[in-house]
Amino acid sequence: MDVLTTCHLGVHMASTIGSAKAAPRATTKLKPTKRRQFQGRDRWVFLFMVGVPTVLHVLLVWVPTLASILLSFTNWNGIRLTDMDWVGALNYEQILTVFEKDFWQAVINNTTLLVFLFLGPTLFGMFLAYLLDKNLKGSRVYQSVFYTPVVLSLAVVGFMWQSVIYSTDNGLATQLFGGGDSVDWIGNQSFLIPFGDNYGVSKNFVAILVAMAWRHTGYIMVLYLAGMKSVDASLREAAGLDGCNEWQSFRHVIFPTLKPINVVVAVITVIEALRAFDIIYVLNTPRKTEVLSILTTNNLLGEGGGNVGRGSAYATILFVLCLGFVIWYVTNHYKKTQEGAES
């Protein structure tokens, strides 16, 4: 091959490469994927699975709630609709004046129950969870024993403690602390913690608190145990290498990671304290142990009851307290979430 032919080949190859570089590159456009839509039978199944629970929730929860709020402004015996009279805020006025003693005693009992559940079962449940988190021998047996009361309803717990623990003559509490004498543990109306002459925390209400704590502790223990099991083991090892003792490791490493569990425990405890009813009712509602839910039931069905308006007013007050706490919790949780996302 001579030099001229070689030059022609080089020029031809250069022009070919140049044209290839200059040629626009073909681009492939991706078609947007269509969202899969329910069709035919799937759509009806979806609507059924979503619609039925929604309808039941609205009918069984929100319709009675709104009806109670409206009935709280009426005077009605609950029999004939023609006997219903619109009285405005009279029921609320009577609760704060005529029935002031019952209302404020119930508020004191609900508040006492809330504080007690926070300071007693919550701290003790956290302590049990910390011990069980160490994988002690037989820890699964202990977990089962401590959690067993949780599967029982508060009504069953009330019957058990009334017949086994608080029996006047042969109860366990009577045998241990009665000194050989009969003790009426849930009939003593005297104040253990008085708030003036007419209000206070009665001894029989304290006995009910202990029974409720027995059940509530196991629930709190399981929640904290689940949170502690999720703590990264490397954090514990790092704390040990830094020379932290048991308390320092728990305070600075484990407890900060339990913040979501603390929020759940707080919500559960507040709801448990406000809706307390079963155990007090099955014990025949000893005097000075009334809570807001008991006053609601007594006005609707109890002796001297039949006043649906006043009972609904008590229920509305209880609803506002619960709703106020839920709104406060959701608002603060949303703000903290937004601040964390922005930072």
C-alpha atoms as a PDB file:
ATOM      1  CA  MET A   1       0.000   0.000   0.000  1.00  0.00           C
ATOM      2  CA  ASP A   2       1.501   3.371  -0.986  1.00  0.00           C
ATOM      3  CA  VAL A   3       1.599   6.534   1.019  1.00  0.00           C
ATOM      4  CA  LEU A   4      -1.238   8.206  -0.956  1.00  0.00           C
ATOM      5  CA  THR A   5      -3.611   5.334  -0.341  1.00  0.00           C
ATOM      6  CA  THR A   6      -2.706   5.373   3.310  1.00  0.00           C
ATOM      7  CA  CYS A   7      -3.447   9.114   3.534  1.00  0.00           C
ATOM      8  CA  HIS A   8      -6.818   8.664   1.817  1.00  0.00           C
ATOM      9  CA  LEU A   9      -7.713   5.939   4.309  1.00  0.00           C
ATOM     10  CA  GLY A  10      -6.682   8.147   7.215  1.00  0.00           C
ATOM     11  CA  VAL A  11      -8.747  11.083   5.949  1.00  0.00           C
ATOM     12  CA  HIS A  12     -11.753   8.824   5.392  1.00  0.00           C
ATOM     13  CA  MET A  13     -11.499   7.360   8.893  1.00  0.00           C
ATOM     14  CA  ALA A  14     -11.113  10.823  10.450  1.00  0.00           C
ATOM     15  CA  SER A  15     -14.159  12.137   8.617  1.00  0.00           C
ATOM     16  CA  THR A  16     -16.138   9.087   9.650  1.00  0.00           C
ATOM     17  CA  ILE A  17     -15.191   9.513  13.300  1.00  0.00           C
ATOM     18  CA  GLY A  18     -15.933  13.228  13.164  1.00  0.00           C
ATOM     19  CA  SER A  19     -19.346  12.680  11.654  1.00  0.00           C
ATOM     20  CA  ALA A  20     -20.062  10.066  14.279  1.00  0.00           C
ATOM     21  CA  LYS A  21     -19.154  12.513  17.024  1.00  0.00           C
ATOM     22  CA  ALA A  22     -21.202  15.265  15.467  1.00  0.00           C
ATOM     23  CA  ALA A  23     -24.253  13.086  15.015  1.00  0.00           C
ATOM     24  CA  PRO A  24     -26.843  13.678  17.688  1.00  0.00           C
ATOM     25  CA  ARG A  25     -27.108  10.898  20.207  1.00  0.00           C
ATOM     26  CA  ALA A  26     -30.392   9.118  20.166  1.00  0.00           C
ATOM     27  CA  THR A  27     -32.214   9.376  23.479  1.00  0.00           C
ATOM     28  CA  THR A  28     -34.808   6.977  24.695  1.00  0.00           C
ATOM     29  CA  LYS A  29     -37.712   8.447  26.625  1.00  0.00           C
ATOM     30  CA  LEU A  30     -39.079   6.394  29.475  1.00  0.00           C
ATOM     31  CA  LYS A  31     -42.782   6.168  29.517  1.00  0.00           C
ATOM     32  CA  PRO A  32     -44.319   7.049  32.848  1.00  0.00           C
ATOM     33  CA  THR A  33     -45.518   4.000  34.658  1.00  0.00           C
ATOM     34  CA  LYS A  34     -49.212   3.850  35.245  1.00  0.00           C
ATOM     35  CA  ARG A  35     -50.465   3.338  38.732  1.00  0.00           C
ATOM     36  CA  ARG A  36     -52.139   0.050  39.211  1.00  0.00           C
ATOM     37  CA  GLN A  37     -55.818   0.630  39.785  1.00  0.00           C
ATOM     38  CA  PHE A  38     -58.331  -1.674  41.329  1.00  0.00           C
ATOM     39  CA  GLN A  39     -60.704  -3.060  38.793  1.00  0.00           C
ATOM     40  CA  GLY A  40     -63.806  -5.133  38.972  1.00  0.00           C
ATOM     41  CA  ARG A  41     -63.936  -7.478  41.918  1.00  0.00           C
ATOM     42  CA  ASP A  42     -60.785  -6.069  43.576  1.00  0.00           C
ATOM     43  CA  ARG A  43     -62.372  -2.639  43.821  1.00  0.00           C
ATOM     44  CA  TRP A  44     -65.453  -3.988  45.590  1.00  0.00           C
ATOM     45  CA  VAL A  45     -63.332  -6.061  47.974  1.00  0.00           C
ATOM     46  CA  PHE A  46     -61.234  -2.984  48.813  1.00  0.00           C
ATOM     47  CA  LEU A  47     -64.307  -0.837  49.399  1.00  0.00           C
ATOM     48  CA  PHE A  48     -65.826  -3.529  51.595  1.00  0.00           C
ATOM     49  CA  MET A  49     -62.674  -3.953  53.705  1.00  0.00           C
ATOM     50  CA  VAL A  50     -62.309  -0.201  54.217  1.00  0.00           C
ATOM     51  CA  GLY A  51     -65.948   0.810  54.295  1.00  0.00           C
ATOM     52  CA  VAL A  52     -67.328  -1.673  56.826  1.00  0.00           C
ATOM     53  CA  PRO A  53     -64.844  -0.811  59.640  1.00  0.00           C
ATOM     54  CA  THR A  54     -65.286   2.893  58.903  1.00  0.00           C
ATOM     55  CA  VAL A  55     -69.064   2.705  59.085  1.00  0.00           C
ATOM     56  CA  LEU A  56     -68.952   0.642  62.289  1.00  0.00           C
ATOM     57  CA  HIS A  57     -66.481   3.063  63.874  1.00  0.00           C
ATOM     58  CA  VAL A  58     -68.623   6.077  63.001  1.00  0.00           C
ATOM     59  CA  LEU A  59     -71.845   4.430  64.178  1.00  0.00           C
ATOM     60  CA  LEU A  60     -70.476   2.944  67.401  1.00  0.00           C
ATOM     61  CA  VAL A  61     -68.066   5.706  68.442  1.00  0.00           C
ATOM     62  CA  TRP A  62     -68.690   9.103  66.900  1.00  0.00           C
ATOM     63  CA  VAL A  63     -72.470   9.042  66.622  1.00  0.00           C
ATOM     64  CA  PRO A  64     -72.892   8.217  70.372  1.00  0.00           C
ATOM     65  CA  THR A  65     -70.214  10.780  71.211  1.00  0.00           C
ATOM     66  CA  LEU A  66     -71.931  13.587  69.336  1.00  0.00           C
ATOM     67  CA  ALA A  67     -75.316  12.457  70.683  1.00  0.00           C
ATOM     68  CA  SER A  68     -73.955  12.615  74.253  1.00  0.00           C
ATOM     69  CA  ILE A  69     -72.697  16.146  73.697  1.00  0.00           C
ATOM     70  CA  LEU A  70     -76.109  17.234  72.432  1.00  0.00           C
ATOM     71  CA  LEU A  71     -77.968  15.393  75.217  1.00  0.00           C
ATOM     72  CA  SER A  72     -75.813  17.143  77.834  1.00  0.00           C
ATOM     73  CA  PHE A  73     -77.793  20.319  77.067  1.00  0.00           C
ATOM     74  CA  THR A  74     -81.160  18.640  77.693  1.00  0.00           C
ATOM     75  CA  ASN A  75     -83.248  17.350  80.551  1.00  0.00           C
ATOM     76  CA  TRP A  76     -84.422  13.845  79.632  1.00  0.00           C
ATOM     77  CA  ASN A  77     -85.344  10.681  81.506  1.00  0.00           C
ATOM     78  CA  GLY A  78     -84.272   8.440  78.621  1.00  0.00           C
ATOM     79  CA  ILE A  79     -87.721   6.987  77.896  1.00  0.00           C
ATOM     80  CA  ARG A  80     -89.758   9.128  75.517  1.00  0.00           C
ATOM     81  CA  LEU A  81     -88.338  11.676  73.131  1.00  0.00           C
ATOM     82  CA  THR A  82     -91.341  13.920  73.728  1.00  0.00           C
ATOM     83  CA  ASP A  83     -90.220  14.374  77.340  1.00  0.00           C
ATOM     84  CA  MET A  84     -86.885  15.870  76.275  1.00  0.00           C
ATOM     85  CA  ASP A  85     -86.449  19.523  77.237  1.00  0.00           C
ATOM     86  CA  TRP A  86     -83.662  21.828  76.080  1.00  0.00           C
ATOM     87  CA  VAL A  87     -82.084  23.393  79.188  1.00  0.00           C
ATOM     88  CA  GLY A  88     -78.830  24.802  77.824  1.00  0.00           C
ATOM     89  CA  ALA A  89     -75.882  24.692  80.225  1.00  0.00           C
ATOM     90  CA  LEU A  90     -78.051  23.944  83.279  1.00  0.00           C
ATOM     91  CA  ASN A  91     -76.571  20.442  83.750  1.00  0.00           C
ATOM     92  CA  TYR A  92     -73.022  21.806  83.818  1.00  0.00           C
ATOM     93  CA  GLU A  93     -74.086  24.516  86.242  1.00  0.00           C
ATOM     94  CA  GLN A  94     -75.628  21.930  88.562  1.00  0.00           C
ATOM     95  CA  ILE A  95     -72.505  19.764  88.420  1.00  0.00           C
ATOM     96  CA  LEU A  96     -70.365  22.695  89.590  1.00  0.00           C
ATOM     97  CA  THR A  97     -72.822  23.893  92.244  1.00  0.00           C
ATOM     98  CA  VAL A  98     -75.416  21.386  93.491  1.00  0.00           C
ATOM     99  CA  PHE A  99     -73.236  18.315  92.911  1.00  0.00           C
ATOM    100  CA  GLU A 100     -69.945  20.115  93.508  1.00  0.00           C
ATOM    101  CA  LYS A 101     -68.800  17.735  96.251  1.00  0.00           C
ATOM    102  CA  ASP A 102     -69.243  14.618  94.116  1.00  0.00           C
ATOM    103  CA  PHE A 103     -67.599  16.216  91.074  1.00  0.00           C
ATOM    104  CA  TRP A 104     -64.462  17.487  92.805  1.00  0.00           C
ATOM    105  CA  GLN A 105     -64.037  14.248  94.756  1.00  0.00           C
ATOM    106  CA  ALA A 106     -64.137  12.384  91.439  1.00  0.00           C
ATOM    107  CA  VAL A 107     -61.574  14.784  89.961  1.00  0.00           C
ATOM    108  CA  ILE A 108     -59.301  14.203  92.971  1.00  0.00           C
ATOM    109  CA  ASN A 109     -59.626  10.435  92.571  1.00  0.00           C
ATOM    110  CA  ASN A 110     -58.878  10.537  88.824  1.00  0.00           C
ATOM    111  CA  THR A 111     -55.876  12.796  89.423  1.00  0.00           C
ATOM    112  CA  THR A 112     -54.628  10.573  92.240  1.00  0.00           C
ATOM    113  CA  LEU A 113     -54.945   7.542  89.991  1.00  0.00           C
ATOM    114  CA  LEU A 114     -52.999   9.303  87.235  1.00  0.00           C
ATOM    115  CA  VAL A 115     -50.147  10.348  89.533  1.00  0.00           C
ATOM    116  CA  PHE A 116     -50.038   6.930  91.193  1.00  0.00           C
ATOM    117  CA  LEU A 117     -49.855   5.053  87.880  1.00  0.00           C
ATOM    118  CA  PHE A 118     -46.977   7.285  86.783  1.00  0.00           C
ATOM    119  CA  LEU A 119     -44.978   6.972  89.993  1.00  0.00           C
ATOM    120  CA  GLY A 120     -45.797   3.364  90.893  1.00  0.00           C
ATOM    121  CA  PRO A 121     -46.403   0.875  88.057  1.00  0.00           C
ATOM    122  CA  THR A 122     -44.446   2.903  85.492  1.00  0.00           C
ATOM    123  CA  LEU A 123     -41.227   3.049  87.505  1.00  0.00           C
ATOM    124  CA  PHE A 124     -41.588  -0.496  88.819  1.00  0.00           C
ATOM    125  CA  GLY A 125     -42.399  -1.810  85.347  1.00  0.00           C
ATOM    126  CA  MET A 126     -39.280  -0.096  83.982  1.00  0.00           C
ATOM    127  CA  PHE A 127     -37.217  -1.646  86.780  1.00  0.00           C
ATOM    128  CA  LEU A 128     -38.537  -5.136  86.014  1.00  0.00           C
ATOM    129  CA  ALA A 129     -37.851  -4.624  82.306  1.00  0.00           C
ATOM    130  CA  TYR A 130     -34.265  -3.578  83.084  1.00  0.00           C
ATOM    131  CA  LEU A 131     -33.697  -6.734  85.136  1.00  0.00           C
ATOM    132  CA  LEU A 132     -35.263  -9.021  82.530  1.00  0.00           C
ATOM    133  CA  ASP A 133     -33.225  -7.351  79.785  1.00  0.00           C
ATOM    134  CA  LYS A 134     -30.102  -8.864  81.343  1.00  0.00           C
ATOM    135  CA  ASN A 135     -31.255 -12.314  80.166  1.00  0.00           C
ATOM    136  CA  LEU A 136     -31.392 -13.785  83.636  1.00  0.00           C
ATOM    137  CA  LYS A 137     -31.958 -17.482  84.035  1.00  0.00           C
ATOM    138  CA  GLY A 138     -35.663 -18.186  83.763  1.00  0.00           C
ATOM    139  CA  SER A 139     -36.408 -14.702  82.423  1.00  0.00           C
ATOM    140  CA  ARG A 140     -39.126 -16.033  80.103  1.00  0.00           C
ATOM    141  CA  VAL A 141     -40.923 -17.562  83.066  1.00  0.00           C
ATOM    142  CA  TYR A 142     -40.731 -14.247  84.918  1.00  0.00           C
ATOM    143  CA  GLN A 143     -42.071 -12.420  81.879  1.00  0.00           C
ATOM    144  CA  SER A 144     -45.050 -14.759  81.700  1.00  0.00           C
ATOM    145  CA  VAL A 145     -45.763 -14.404  85.417  1.00  0.00           C
ATOM    146  CA  PHE A 146     -45.579 -10.606  85.383  1.00  0.00           C
ATOM    147  CA  TYR A 147     -47.609 -10.300  82.179  1.00  0.00           C
ATOM    148  CA  THR A 148     -50.405 -12.708  83.181  1.00  0.00           C
ATOM    149  CA  PRO A 149     -52.509 -10.020  84.987  1.00  0.00           C
ATOM    150  CA  VAL A 150     -52.557  -7.954  81.788  1.00  0.00           C
ATOM    151  CA  VAL A 151     -54.677 -10.533  79.949  1.00  0.00           C
ATOM    152  CA  LEU A 152     -57.338 -10.217  82.661  1.00  0.00           C
ATOM    153  CA  SER A 153     -59.962  -7.495  82.531  1.00  0.00           C
ATOM    154  CA  LEU A 154     -60.166  -5.012  85.385  1.00  0.00           C
ATOM    155  CA  ALA A 155     -63.553  -6.483  86.329  1.00  0.00           C
ATOM    156  CA  VAL A 156     -61.978  -9.917  86.824  1.00  0.00           C
ATOM    157  CA  VAL A 157     -59.101  -8.312  88.748  1.00  0.00           C
ATOM    158  CA  GLY A 158     -61.638  -6.644  91.029  1.00  0.00           C
ATOM    159  CA  PHE A 159     -63.420  -9.927  91.801  1.00  0.00           C
ATOM    160  CA  MET A 160     -60.091 -11.686  92.435  1.00  0.00           C
ATOM    161  CA  TRP A 161     -58.771  -9.077  94.833  1.00  0.00           C
ATOM    162  CA  GLN A 162     -62.097  -8.764  96.610  1.00  0.00           C
ATOM    163  CA  SER A 163     -62.326 -12.498  97.358  1.00  0.00           C
ATOM    164  CA  VAL A 164     -58.656 -13.494  97.646  1.00  0.00           C
ATOM    165  CA  ILE A 165     -56.711 -10.463  98.868  1.00  0.00           C
ATOM    166  CA  TYR A 166     -59.235  -8.132 100.511  1.00  0.00           C
ATOM    167  CA  SER A 167     -61.585 -10.672 102.082  1.00  0.00           C
ATOM    168  CA  THR A 168     -62.614  -9.285 105.460  1.00  0.00           C
ATOM    169  CA  ASP A 169     -61.800 -12.441 107.435  1.00  0.00           C
ATOM    170  CA  ASN A 170     -59.620 -14.752 105.324  1.00  0.00           C
ATOM    171  CA  GLY A 171     -58.004 -12.484 102.745  1.00  0.00           C
ATOM    172  CA  LEU A 172     -54.244 -12.496 102.241  1.00  0.00           C
ATOM    173  CA  ALA A 173     -53.975  -8.830 103.212  1.00  0.00           C
ATOM    174  CA  THR A 174     -56.011  -9.511 106.348  1.00  0.00           C
ATOM    175  CA  GLN A 175     -53.771 -12.427 107.343  1.00  0.00           C
ATOM    176  CA  LEU A 176     -50.565 -10.460 106.773  1.00  0.00           C
ATOM    177  CA  PHE A 177     -51.493  -7.003 108.058  1.00  0.00           C
ATOM    178  CA  GLY A 178     -54.720  -7.463 110.024  1.00  0.00           C
ATOM    179  CA  GLY A 179     -53.124  -8.651 113.236  1.00  0.00           C
ATOM    180  CA  GLY A 180     -55.644 -11.462 113.557  1.00  0.00           C
ATOM    181  CA  ASP A 181     -58.661  -9.123 113.363  1.00  0.00           C
ATOM    182  CA  SER A 182     -61.190  -8.664 110.580  1.00  0.00           C
ATOM    183  CA  VAL A 183     -60.394  -5.715 108.291  1.00  0.00           C
ATOM    184  CA  ASP A 184     -62.764  -4.133 105.797  1.00  0.00           C
ATOM    185  CA  TRP A 185     -60.175  -3.054 103.239  1.00  0.00           C
ATOM    186  CA  ILE A 186     -62.595  -1.606 100.691  1.00  0.00           C
ATOM    187  CA  GLY A 187     -65.232  -0.324 103.091  1.00  0.00           C
ATOM    188  CA  ASN A 188     -63.193   2.086 105.184  1.00  0.00           C
ATOM    189  CA  GLN A 189     -64.308   5.577 104.216  1.00  0.00           C
ATOM    190  CA  SER A 190     -61.827   7.573 106.279  1.00  0.00           C
ATOM    191  CA  PHE A 191     -59.335   9.789 104.470  1.00  0.00           C
ATOM    192  CA  LEU A 192     -55.742   8.618 104.298  1.00  0.00           C
ATOM    193  CA  ILE A 193     -54.674  11.878 102.618  1.00  0.00           C
ATOM    194  CA  PRO A 194     -57.168  14.642 103.501  1.00  0.00           C
ATOM    195  CA  PHE A 195     -57.649  17.780 101.403  1.00  0.00           C
ATOM    196  CA  GLY A 196     -59.667  19.865 103.805  1.00  0.00           C
ATOM    197  CA  ASP A 197     -62.762  18.646 105.615  1.00  0.00           C
ATOM    198  CA  ASN A 198     -64.770  17.244 102.704  1.00  0.00           C
ATOM    199  CA  TYR A 199     -62.207  15.994 100.183  1.00  0.00           C
ATOM    200  CA  GLY A 200     -59.290  13.615 100.159  1.00  0.00           C
ATOM    201  CA  VAL A 201     -57.985  10.187  99.177  1.00  0.00           C
ATOM    202  CA  SER A 202     -59.779   7.493 101.167  1.00  0.00           C
ATOM    203  CA  LYS A 203     -58.172   4.298 102.424  1.00  0.00           C
ATOM    204  CA  ASN A 204     -60.452   2.087 100.353  1.00  0.00           C
ATOM    205  CA  PHE A 205     -59.483   3.983  97.199  1.00  0.00           C
ATOM    206  CA  VAL A 206     -55.822   3.300  98.000  1.00  0.00           C
ATOM    207  CA  ALA A 207     -56.681  -0.406  98.203  1.00  0.00           C
ATOM    208  CA  ILE A 208     -58.200  -0.175  94.718  1.00  0.00           C
ATOM    209  CA  LEU A 209     -55.082   1.610  93.452  1.00  0.00           C
ATOM    210  CA  VAL A 210     -52.900  -1.296  94.555  1.00  0.00           C
ATOM    211  CA  ALA A 211     -55.103  -3.766  92.661  1.00  0.00           C
ATOM    212  CA  MET A 212     -54.957  -1.633  89.512  1.00  0.00           C
ATOM    213  CA  ALA A 213     -51.179  -1.304  89.810  1.00  0.00           C
ATOM    214  CA  TRP A 214     -50.849  -5.098  89.923  1.00  0.00           C
ATOM    215  CA  ARG A 215     -52.358  -5.298  86.450  1.00  0.00           C
ATOM    216  CA  HIS A 216     -50.809  -2.149  84.947  1.00  0.00           C
ATOM    217  CA  THR A 217     -47.217  -3.013  85.896  1.00  0.00           C
ATOM    218  CA  GLY A 218     -47.007  -5.993  83.548  1.00  0.00           C
ATOM    219  CA  TYR A 219     -48.151  -3.928  80.573  1.00  0.00           C
ATOM    220  CA  ILE A 220     -45.549  -1.234  81.216  1.00  0.00           C
ATOM    221  CA  MET A 221     -42.866  -3.889  81.716  1.00  0.00           C
ATOM    222  CA  VAL A 222     -43.503  -5.393  78.273  1.00  0.00           C
ATOM    223  CA  LEU A 223     -43.364  -1.996  76.557  1.00  0.00           C
ATOM    224  CA  TYR A 224     -40.059  -1.026  78.161  1.00  0.00           C
ATOM    225  CA  LEU A 225     -38.586  -4.488  77.639  1.00  0.00           C
ATOM    226  CA  ALA A 226     -39.320  -4.232  73.917  1.00  0.00           C
ATOM    227  CA  GLY A 227     -37.625  -0.824  73.842  1.00  0.00           C
ATOM    228  CA  MET A 228     -34.544  -2.029  75.710  1.00  0.00           C
ATOM    229  CA  LYS A 229     -34.155  -5.022  73.405  1.00  0.00           C
ATOM    230  CA  SER A 230     -33.851  -2.609  70.480  1.00  0.00           C
ATOM    231  CA  VAL A 231     -30.947  -0.639  72.003  1.00  0.00           C
ATOM    232  CA  ASP A 232     -27.767  -1.063  69.958  1.00  0.00           C
ATOM    233  CA  ALA A 233     -25.347  -3.369  71.787  1.00  0.00           C
ATOM    234  CA  SER A 234     -22.377  -1.263  70.631  1.00  0.00           C
ATOM    235  CA  LEU A 235     -23.676   1.656  72.700  1.00  0.00           C
ATOM    236  CA  ARG A 236     -23.672  -0.474  75.833  1.00  0.00           C
ATOM    237  CA  GLU A 237     -20.152  -1.724  75.055  1.00  0.00           C
ATOM    238  CA  ALA A 238     -18.914   1.819  74.484  1.00  0.00           C
ATOM    239  CA  ALA A 239     -20.379   2.927  77.815  1.00  0.00           C
ATOM    240  CA  GLY A 240     -18.651   0.002  79.542  1.00  0.00           C
ATOM    241  CA  LEU A 241     -15.301   0.869  77.942  1.00  0.00           C
ATOM    242  CA  ASP A 242     -15.685   4.471  79.096  1.00  0.00           C
ATOM    243  CA  GLY A 243     -16.043   3.240  82.666  1.00  0.00           C
ATOM    244  CA  CYS A 244     -19.767   3.905  83.175  1.00  0.00           C
ATOM    245  CA  ASN A 245     -21.429   2.083  86.031  1.00  0.00           C
ATOM    246  CA  GLU A 246     -24.932   0.571  85.851  1.00  0.00           C
ATOM    247  CA  TRP A 247     -26.766   3.799  86.725  1.00  0.00           C
ATOM    248  CA  GLN A 248     -24.676   5.987  84.419  1.00  0.00           C
ATOM    249  CA  SER A 249     -25.096   3.556  81.538  1.00  0.00           C
ATOM    250  CA  PHE A 250     -28.857   3.451  82.022  1.00  0.00           C
ATOM    251  CA  ARG A 251     -29.218   7.211  82.463  1.00  0.00           C
ATOM    252  CA  HIS A 252     -27.005   8.394  79.612  1.00  0.00           C
ATOM    253  CA  VAL A 253     -27.242   5.520  77.103  1.00  0.00           C
ATOM    254  CA  ILE A 254     -30.364   3.393  77.546  1.00  0.00           C
ATOM    255  CA  PHE A 255     -32.960   5.864  78.841  1.00  0.00           C
ATOM    256  CA  PRO A 256     -32.491   8.472  76.051  1.00  0.00           C
ATOM    257  CA  THR A 257     -33.194   5.788  73.449  1.00  0.00           C
ATOM    258  CA  LEU A 258     -36.479   4.965  75.199  1.00  0.00           C
ATOM    259  CA  LYS A 259     -38.037   8.339  74.375  1.00  0.00           C
ATOM    260  CA  PRO A 260     -40.637   6.895  71.948  1.00  0.00           C
ATOM    261  CA  ILE A 261     -41.573   4.276  74.554  1.00  0.00           C
ATOM    262  CA  ASN A 262     -41.946   6.984  77.202  1.00  0.00           C
ATOM    263  CA  VAL A 263     -44.427   8.802  74.968  1.00  0.00           C
ATOM    264  CA  VAL A 264     -46.489   5.641  74.431  1.00  0.00           C
ATOM    265  CA  VAL A 265     -46.449   4.871  78.168  1.00  0.00           C
ATOM    266  CA  ALA A 266     -47.583   8.424  78.983  1.00  0.00           C
ATOM    267  CA  VAL A 267     -50.527   8.212  76.583  1.00  0.00           C
ATOM    268  CA  ILE A 268     -51.576   4.773  77.841  1.00  0.00           C
ATOM    269  CA  THR A 269     -51.316   5.842  81.482  1.00  0.00           C
ATOM    270  CA  VAL A 270     -53.414   8.979  81.022  1.00  0.00           C
ATOM    271  CA  ILE A 271     -56.127   7.072  79.146  1.00  0.00           C
ATOM    272  CA  GLU A 272     -56.092   4.303  81.760  1.00  0.00           C
ATOM    273  CA  ALA A 273     -56.495   6.828  84.584  1.00  0.00           C
ATOM    274  CA  LEU A 274     -59.340   8.733  82.922  1.00  0.00           C
ATOM    275  CA  ARG A 275     -61.367   5.729  81.777  1.00  0.00           C
ATOM    276  CA  ALA A 276     -61.085   3.786  85.068  1.00  0.00           C
ATOM    277  CA  PHE A 277     -64.452   2.192  85.746  1.00  0.00           C
ATOM    278  CA  ASP A 278     -64.570  -1.630  85.795  1.00  0.00           C
ATOM    279  CA  ILE A 279     -62.753  -2.470  89.010  1.00  0.00           C
ATOM    280  CA  ILE A 280     -64.518   0.218  91.039  1.00  0.00           C
ATOM    281  CA  TYR A 281     -67.938  -0.738  89.729  1.00  0.00           C
ATOM    282  CA  VAL A 282     -67.609  -4.473  90.468  1.00  0.00           C
ATOM    283  CA  LEU A 283     -66.592  -3.615  94.032  1.00  0.00           C
ATOM    284  CA  ASN A 284     -70.008  -1.925  94.412  1.00  0.00           C
ATOM    285  CA  THR A 285     -68.424   1.541  94.291  1.00  0.00           C
ATOM    286  CA  PRO A 286     -67.362   2.079  97.906  1.00  0.00           C
ATOM    287  CA  ARG A 287     -67.961   5.586  99.180  1.00  0.00           C
ATOM    288  CA  LYS A 288     -65.367   8.221  98.262  1.00  0.00           C
ATOM    289  CA  THR A 289     -64.046   6.072  95.410  1.00  0.00           C
ATOM    290  CA  GLU A 290     -66.180   7.632  92.669  1.00  0.00           C
ATOM    291  CA  VAL A 291     -64.462   8.708  89.445  1.00  0.00           C
ATOM    292  CA  LEU A 292     -65.936  10.611  86.505  1.00  0.00           C
ATOM    293  CA  SER A 293     -66.971   7.447  84.668  1.00  0.00           C
ATOM    294  CA  ILE A 294     -68.782   6.181  87.775  1.00  0.00           C
ATOM    295  CA  LEU A 295     -70.690   9.465  88.102  1.00  0.00           C
ATOM    296  CA  THR A 296     -71.698   9.162  84.450  1.00  0.00           C
ATOM    297  CA  THR A 297     -73.081   5.651  84.951  1.00  0.00           C
ATOM    298  CA  ASN A 298     -74.822   6.493  88.232  1.00  0.00           C
ATOM    299  CA  ASN A 299     -76.678   9.401  86.666  1.00  0.00           C
ATOM    300  CA  LEU A 300     -77.744   7.293  83.708  1.00  0.00           C
ATOM    301  CA  LEU A 301     -78.649   4.023  85.405  1.00  0.00           C
ATOM    302  CA  GLY A 302     -77.938   4.115  89.115  1.00  0.00           C
ATOM    303  CA  GLU A 303     -80.090   4.847  92.127  1.00  0.00           C
ATOM    304  CA  GLY A 304     -81.721   8.208  91.675  1.00  0.00           C
ATOM    305  CA  GLY A 305     -80.533   8.149  88.055  1.00  0.00           C
ATOM    306  CA  GLY A 306     -82.516   8.383  84.891  1.00  0.00           C
ATOM    307  CA  ASN A 307     -81.130  11.833  84.202  1.00  0.00           C
ATOM    308  CA  VAL A 308     -79.590  11.339  80.776  1.00  0.00           C
ATOM    309  CA  GLY A 309     -78.746  15.018  80.452  1.00  0.00           C
ATOM    310  CA  ARG A 310     -76.591  15.206  83.572  1.00  0.00           C
ATOM    311  CA  GLY A 311     -74.972  11.846  82.847  1.00  0.00           C
ATOM    312  CA  SER A 312     -74.139  13.038  79.331  1.00  0.00           C
ATOM    313  CA  ALA A 313     -72.673  16.213  80.813  1.00  0.00           C
ATOM    314  CA  TYR A 314     -70.294  14.138  82.963  1.00  0.00           C
ATOM    315  CA  ALA A 315     -69.405  12.068  79.885  1.00  0.00           C
ATOM    316  CA  THR A 316     -68.747  15.229  77.870  1.00  0.00           C
ATOM    317  CA  ILE A 317     -66.408  16.581  80.539  1.00  0.00           C
ATOM    318  CA  LEU A 318     -64.512  13.286  80.496  1.00  0.00           C
ATOM    319  CA  PHE A 319     -64.384  13.383  76.687  1.00  0.00           C
ATOM    320  CA  VAL A 320     -62.994  16.924  76.678  1.00  0.00           C
ATOM    321  CA  LEU A 321     -60.262  15.933  79.137  1.00  0.00           C
ATOM    322  CA  CYS A 322     -59.224  12.968  76.993  1.00  0.00           C
ATOM    323  CA  LEU A 323     -59.449  14.932  73.752  1.00  0.00           C
ATOM    324  CA  GLY A 324     -57.465  17.817  75.218  1.00  0.00           C
ATOM    325  CA  PHE A 325     -54.604  15.530  76.143  1.00  0.00           C
ATOM    326  CA  VAL A 326     -54.643  13.826  72.735  1.00  0.00           C
ATOM    327  CA  ILE A 327     -54.553  17.188  70.921  1.00  0.00           C
ATOM    328  CA  TRP A 328     -51.691  18.375  73.127  1.00  0.00           C
ATOM    329  CA  TYR A 329     -49.736  15.194  72.478  1.00  0.00           C
ATOM    330  CA  VAL A 330     -50.275  15.193  68.702  1.00  0.00           C
ATOM    331  CA  THR A 331     -49.431  18.906  68.405  1.00  0.00           C
ATOM    332  CA  ASN A 332     -46.193  18.645  70.395  1.00  0.00           C
ATOM    333  CA  HIS A 333     -45.155  15.433  68.635  1.00  0.00           C
ATOM    334  CA  TYR A 334     -45.761  17.030  65.223  1.00  0.00           C
ATOM    335  CA  LYS A 335     -43.748  20.144  66.151  1.00  0.00           C
ATOM    336  CA  LYS A 336     -40.806  18.091  67.383  1.00  0.00           C
ATOM    337  CA  THR A 337     -40.928  15.946  64.244  1.00  0.00           C
ATOM    338  CA  GLN A 338     -40.887  19.024  62.032  1.00  0.00           C
ATOM    339  CA  GLU A 339     -38.034  20.615  63.978  1.00  0.00           C
ATOM    340  CA  GLY A 340     -36.029  17.399  63.718  1.00  0.00           C
ATOM    341  CA  ALA A 341     -36.657  17.196  59.957  1.00  0.00           C
ATOM    342  CA  GLU A 342     -35.587  20.822  59.409  1.00  0.00           C
ATOM    343  CA  SER A 343     -32.414  20.442  61.461  1.00  0.00           C
END
